Every structure is written in C-alpha cells, then in structure tokens.
C-alpha cells in the first residue's frame, strides 16, 4: 500500500492550492478516502472525506472553501483549497480506508 501526496507549498492568504494523492496497493474504487491535517502543536484533524459513491464530508472550518474529489481510473484523490487562511497552515495527509496514510505535504499560508 502506498499513498503519495503532492502539491503543497507556500501561498499567500486568499490564494489557492490543489493537493493530489496517488494511491496504490489496495482496492481504490471501493475505498473511502480522506484528507487530514496537523498543525504544529496540534492534533491531526479531519479536513474532508469522500466515499466510493463520491459523497463528501467537510470539516466546518473548510466548508465552502475546500473541495475533495477523486478519479478512480487514475487512482487519485484531490483537495482543491481556495481562499486559504494562515490557520490552514499544516502538514496535509492523505488517508485511505481509515487505515493507510501518506507521508504528508506541507502547506504554508503566509504573506
């Protein structure tokens, strides 16, 4: 099993980033996939989840600004992040089936 995140970086407040997660080694199309984040000194928290039917759940702090999507043919999960705020700064992790984790990608929102 492997989950590899990409797309993080430094962005100014109000900007956008798109995170990607490439999955392999498990039955992706039937798996719920998610994005989590962990800021310095804080616990890891849920950002968004998408299930096999592409139903989604978002943390209240990102609802209306972030969008999770998936491409089963490419075995990819995406997180489109708009209107970014400094408090969105964290390491973002891809999660598969609530059991598998990627190594994370750093997102820093700062002017």
Foldseek 3Di string as FASTA:
>chain_A
DAKAKDWADEAAAQAKIKMKIADDDDQLLQKKKFKWWDDPPGDIGGAKIQGNVRDMDGDPVQPPFKDWDDDNVRRMIMIIGGRDDQVVFTWMWMDINNPDIHPTDTHGYHD
